[in-house]
Amino acid sequence: MHDELGSYYYPNPADPRSRVYVREGDNGLEFRLWHAEYPAVWEKHGWMAQATLEKAAAMYRDMGRESNPMALYDVAVAQALVREERRRKETL
């Protein structure tokens, strides 16, 4: 999906109030969270590279934490959205 902020997907399809935006940055895929009820999430947190998120997830595992930060970030979906965005721009 695409809107004025960019390409996005719903990390939880049952909750359209939350979105993960994706783009291709200088160092690969980048992700950014948006939530309808918490605009500060978008305003205060910038784009995060896939590699940074993967390092954070590894740190969580190493600390013995149960949660997986990568659960929100679907790399396969992000790659598909980036390809779709490239095609969309080519046809403009």
N, C-alpha and C. Protein backbone atom coordinates (compact mmCIF):
# COMPACT_ATOMS: atom_id res chain seq x y z
N MET A 1 0.83 -1.17 0.00
CA MET A 1 0.00 0.00 0.00
C MET A 1 0.88 1.24 0.00
N HIS A 2 0.30 2.33 -0.38
CA HIS A 2 1.07 3.57 -0.52
C HIS A 2 0.18 4.75 -0.19
N ASP A 3 0.73 5.71 0.52
CA ASP A 3 0.03 6.97 0.78
C ASP A 3 1.04 8.11 0.74
N GLU A 4 0.66 9.27 1.26
CA GLU A 4 1.54 10.44 1.18
C GLU A 4 2.85 10.27 1.97
N LEU A 5 2.90 9.34 2.91
CA LEU A 5 4.11 9.10 3.69
C LEU A 5 5.02 8.06 3.04
N GLY A 6 4.49 7.27 2.13
CA GLY A 6 5.29 6.26 1.46
C GLY A 6 4.60 4.91 1.38
N SER A 7 5.40 3.88 1.14
CA SER A 7 4.89 2.51 1.04
C SER A 7 4.86 1.88 2.43
N TYR A 8 3.80 1.13 2.70
CA TYR A 8 3.65 0.54 4.03
C TYR A 8 2.91 -0.78 3.98
N TYR A 9 3.00 -1.48 5.11
CA TYR A 9 2.20 -2.69 5.33
C TYR A 9 1.71 -2.66 6.77
N TYR A 10 0.72 -3.50 7.05
CA TYR A 10 0.19 -3.62 8.40
C TYR A 10 0.92 -4.76 9.11
N PRO A 11 1.66 -4.48 10.19
CA PRO A 11 2.34 -5.57 10.89
C PRO A 11 1.35 -6.55 11.54
N ASN A 12 0.18 -6.04 11.87
CA ASN A 12 -0.91 -6.86 12.38
C ASN A 12 -2.13 -6.54 11.51
N PRO A 13 -2.44 -7.38 10.54
CA PRO A 13 -3.54 -7.08 9.62
C PRO A 13 -4.88 -6.81 10.30
N ALA A 14 -5.05 -7.28 11.52
CA ALA A 14 -6.30 -7.04 12.25
C ALA A 14 -6.35 -5.65 12.87
N ASP A 15 -5.23 -4.91 12.81
CA ASP A 15 -5.17 -3.58 13.42
C ASP A 15 -4.63 -2.55 12.43
N PRO A 16 -5.50 -1.94 11.63
CA PRO A 16 -5.04 -0.97 10.63
C PRO A 16 -4.57 0.36 11.23
N ARG A 17 -4.63 0.50 12.55
CA ARG A 17 -4.14 1.74 13.17
C ARG A 17 -2.62 1.78 13.22
N SER A 18 -1.98 0.65 13.01
CA SER A 18 -0.52 0.55 13.08
C SER A 18 0.03 0.18 11.71
N ARG A 19 1.08 0.88 11.29
CA ARG A 19 1.70 0.62 9.98
C ARG A 19 3.22 0.61 10.12
N VAL A 20 3.85 -0.12 9.23
CA VAL A 20 5.30 -0.07 9.10
C VAL A 20 5.58 0.44 7.69
N TYR A 21 6.24 1.58 7.61
CA TYR A 21 6.63 2.15 6.33
C TYR A 21 8.00 1.62 5.95
N VAL A 22 8.23 1.47 4.67
CA VAL A 22 9.51 0.94 4.18
C VAL A 22 10.02 1.79 3.03
N ARG A 23 11.32 1.81 2.93
CA ARG A 23 11.96 2.47 1.78
C ARG A 23 13.34 1.87 1.60
N GLU A 24 13.92 2.17 0.46
CA GLU A 24 15.28 1.74 0.20
C GLU A 24 16.20 2.91 0.50
N GLY A 25 17.07 2.74 1.46
CA GLY A 25 18.01 3.79 1.83
C GLY A 25 19.38 3.52 1.23
N ASP A 26 20.34 4.33 1.61
CA ASP A 26 21.70 4.17 1.10
C ASP A 26 22.31 2.82 1.49
N ASN A 27 21.89 2.29 2.62
CA ASN A 27 22.45 1.03 3.12
C ASN A 27 21.44 -0.10 3.12
N GLY A 28 20.48 -0.07 2.23
CA GLY A 28 19.49 -1.14 2.13
C GLY A 28 18.13 -0.73 2.67
N LEU A 29 17.37 -1.71 3.09
CA LEU A 29 16.00 -1.47 3.57
C LEU A 29 15.99 -0.64 4.84
N GLU A 30 15.00 0.26 4.91
CA GLU A 30 14.78 1.06 6.12
C GLU A 30 13.31 0.97 6.49
N PHE A 31 13.05 1.00 7.78
CA PHE A 31 11.71 0.85 8.33
C PHE A 31 11.39 2.04 9.24
N ARG A 32 10.09 2.36 9.31
CA ARG A 32 9.65 3.42 10.22
C ARG A 32 8.22 3.12 10.66
N LEU A 33 8.00 3.21 11.96
CA LEU A 33 6.68 2.91 12.52
C LEU A 33 5.77 4.13 12.51
N TRP A 34 4.47 3.87 12.34
CA TRP A 34 3.42 4.88 12.41
C TRP A 34 2.25 4.26 13.15
N HIS A 35 1.62 5.04 14.02
CA HIS A 35 0.43 4.56 14.72
C HIS A 35 -0.57 5.70 14.81
N ALA A 36 -1.81 5.43 14.42
CA ALA A 36 -2.86 6.45 14.37
C ALA A 36 -3.10 7.09 15.73
N GLU A 37 -3.01 6.32 16.80
CA GLU A 37 -3.30 6.85 18.13
C GLU A 37 -2.09 7.46 18.82
N TYR A 38 -0.91 7.26 18.25
CA TYR A 38 0.32 7.77 18.86
C TYR A 38 1.19 8.46 17.80
N PRO A 39 0.81 9.67 17.39
CA PRO A 39 1.57 10.36 16.34
C PRO A 39 3.04 10.59 16.71
N ALA A 40 3.35 10.63 18.00
CA ALA A 40 4.73 10.85 18.43
C ALA A 40 5.65 9.73 17.96
N VAL A 41 5.10 8.54 17.74
CA VAL A 41 5.92 7.43 17.25
C VAL A 41 6.59 7.83 15.94
N TRP A 42 5.83 8.40 15.03
CA TRP A 42 6.38 8.83 13.74
C TRP A 42 7.27 10.05 13.91
N GLU A 43 6.82 11.00 14.71
CA GLU A 43 7.53 12.27 14.86
C GLU A 43 8.88 12.11 15.56
N LYS A 44 8.96 11.24 16.54
CA LYS A 44 10.18 11.13 17.35
C LYS A 44 11.16 10.05 16.89
N HIS A 45 10.68 9.13 16.07
CA HIS A 45 11.54 8.03 15.65
C HIS A 45 11.71 8.07 14.14
N GLY A 46 12.95 8.13 13.71
CA GLY A 46 13.23 8.21 12.28
C GLY A 46 13.30 6.84 11.63
N TRP A 47 13.85 6.84 10.44
CA TRP A 47 14.02 5.62 9.67
C TRP A 47 15.13 4.78 10.29
N MET A 48 14.90 3.47 10.35
CA MET A 48 15.88 2.55 10.93
C MET A 48 16.28 1.51 9.90
N ALA A 49 17.58 1.34 9.73
CA ALA A 49 18.09 0.37 8.76
C ALA A 49 17.84 -1.06 9.24
N GLN A 50 17.64 -1.94 8.29
CA GLN A 50 17.42 -3.35 8.60
C GLN A 50 18.57 -3.90 9.45
N ALA A 51 19.80 -3.56 9.11
CA ALA A 51 20.96 -4.07 9.85
C ALA A 51 20.91 -3.62 11.31
N THR A 52 20.50 -2.39 11.55
CA THR A 52 20.39 -1.87 12.92
C THR A 52 19.35 -2.65 13.70
N LEU A 53 18.21 -2.90 13.07
CA LEU A 53 17.15 -3.66 13.73
C LEU A 53 17.59 -5.08 14.03
N GLU A 54 18.32 -5.69 13.12
CA GLU A 54 18.80 -7.05 13.34
C GLU A 54 19.81 -7.10 14.48
N LYS A 55 20.67 -6.07 14.59
CA LYS A 55 21.62 -6.01 15.71
C LYS A 55 20.88 -5.86 17.03
N ALA A 56 19.85 -5.02 17.05
CA ALA A 56 19.06 -4.84 18.27
C ALA A 56 18.37 -6.14 18.66
N ALA A 57 17.85 -6.85 17.69
CA ALA A 57 17.19 -8.13 17.97
C ALA A 57 18.18 -9.13 18.55
N ALA A 58 19.40 -9.14 18.03
CA ALA A 58 20.43 -10.04 18.55
C ALA A 58 20.78 -9.67 19.99
N MET A 59 20.83 -8.38 20.29
CA MET A 59 21.11 -7.94 21.66
C MET A 59 20.00 -8.39 22.60
N TYR A 60 18.75 -8.28 22.16
CA TYR A 60 17.62 -8.74 22.98
C TYR A 60 17.76 -10.24 23.27
N ARG A 61 18.09 -11.02 22.25
CA ARG A 61 18.26 -12.47 22.44
C ARG A 61 19.40 -12.75 23.42
N ASP A 62 20.51 -12.02 23.24
CA ASP A 62 21.67 -12.23 24.11
C ASP A 62 21.37 -11.89 25.57
N MET A 63 20.44 -10.97 25.79
CA MET A 63 20.05 -10.59 27.15
C MET A 63 19.00 -11.54 27.71
N GLY A 64 18.57 -12.50 26.89
CA GLY A 64 17.58 -13.47 27.35
C GLY A 64 16.15 -12.97 27.32
N ARG A 65 15.90 -11.92 26.57
CA ARG A 65 14.54 -11.39 26.49
C ARG A 65 13.68 -12.26 25.60
N GLU A 66 12.43 -12.35 25.98
CA GLU A 66 11.47 -13.19 25.24
C GLU A 66 11.00 -12.53 23.95
N SER A 67 10.83 -11.21 23.98
CA SER A 67 10.27 -10.52 22.82
C SER A 67 11.28 -10.48 21.67
N ASN A 68 10.74 -10.45 20.47
CA ASN A 68 11.57 -10.39 19.26
C ASN A 68 11.23 -9.09 18.53
N PRO A 69 12.11 -8.09 18.59
CA PRO A 69 11.83 -6.83 17.91
C PRO A 69 11.61 -6.99 16.40
N MET A 70 12.18 -8.03 15.80
CA MET A 70 12.03 -8.23 14.36
C MET A 70 10.65 -8.73 13.98
N ALA A 71 9.82 -9.06 14.95
CA ALA A 71 8.48 -9.55 14.65
C ALA A 71 7.66 -8.52 13.87
N LEU A 72 7.93 -7.24 14.08
CA LEU A 72 7.20 -6.18 13.36
C LEU A 72 7.72 -5.96 11.95
N TYR A 73 8.97 -6.32 11.73
CA TYR A 73 9.65 -5.95 10.49
C TYR A 73 9.75 -7.15 9.56
N ASP A 74 8.91 -7.18 8.54
CA ASP A 74 8.86 -8.29 7.60
C ASP A 74 9.70 -7.93 6.38
N VAL A 75 10.89 -8.50 6.32
CA VAL A 75 11.84 -8.16 5.27
C VAL A 75 11.30 -8.55 3.89
N ALA A 76 10.67 -9.69 3.76
CA ALA A 76 10.14 -10.13 2.46
C ALA A 76 9.06 -9.17 1.96
N VAL A 77 8.17 -8.75 2.84
CA VAL A 77 7.13 -7.79 2.45
C VAL A 77 7.77 -6.46 2.09
N ALA A 78 8.74 -6.03 2.88
CA ALA A 78 9.42 -4.76 2.61
C ALA A 78 10.10 -4.79 1.24
N GLN A 79 10.77 -5.88 0.92
CA GLN A 79 11.42 -6.00 -0.39
C GLN A 79 10.40 -5.92 -1.52
N ALA A 80 9.27 -6.57 -1.35
CA ALA A 80 8.22 -6.53 -2.37
C ALA A 80 7.69 -5.11 -2.54
N LEU A 81 7.50 -4.40 -1.45
CA LEU A 81 7.00 -3.02 -1.53
C LEU A 81 8.01 -2.10 -2.20
N VAL A 82 9.28 -2.30 -1.93
CA VAL A 82 10.33 -1.48 -2.56
C VAL A 82 10.34 -1.75 -4.07
N ARG A 83 10.23 -3.02 -4.47
CA ARG A 83 10.17 -3.34 -5.91
C ARG A 83 8.95 -2.69 -6.56
N GLU A 84 7.82 -2.77 -5.87
CA GLU A 84 6.58 -2.17 -6.38
C GLU A 84 6.73 -0.65 -6.52
N GLU A 85 7.37 -0.03 -5.56
CA GLU A 85 7.59 1.42 -5.60
C GLU A 85 8.49 1.80 -6.77
N ARG A 86 9.53 1.01 -7.02
CA ARG A 86 10.41 1.27 -8.17
C ARG A 86 9.61 1.21 -9.47
N ARG A 87 8.78 0.18 -9.61
CA ARG A 87 7.95 0.05 -10.82
C ARG A 87 6.99 1.21 -10.97
N ARG A 88 6.40 1.62 -9.84
CA ARG A 88 5.46 2.74 -9.86
C ARG A 88 6.15 4.01 -10.35
N LYS A 89 7.35 4.26 -9.88
CA LYS A 89 8.10 5.46 -10.28
C LYS A 89 8.51 5.39 -11.75
N GLU A 90 8.80 4.20 -12.24
CA GLU A 90 9.19 4.04 -13.64
C GLU A 90 8.05 4.36 -14.59
N THR A 91 6.83 4.16 -14.15
CA THR A 91 5.68 4.39 -15.03
C THR A 91 5.17 5.83 -14.98
N LEU A 92 5.72 6.63 -14.08
CA LEU A 92 5.29 8.04 -13.98
C LEU A 92 5.87 8.89 -15.08
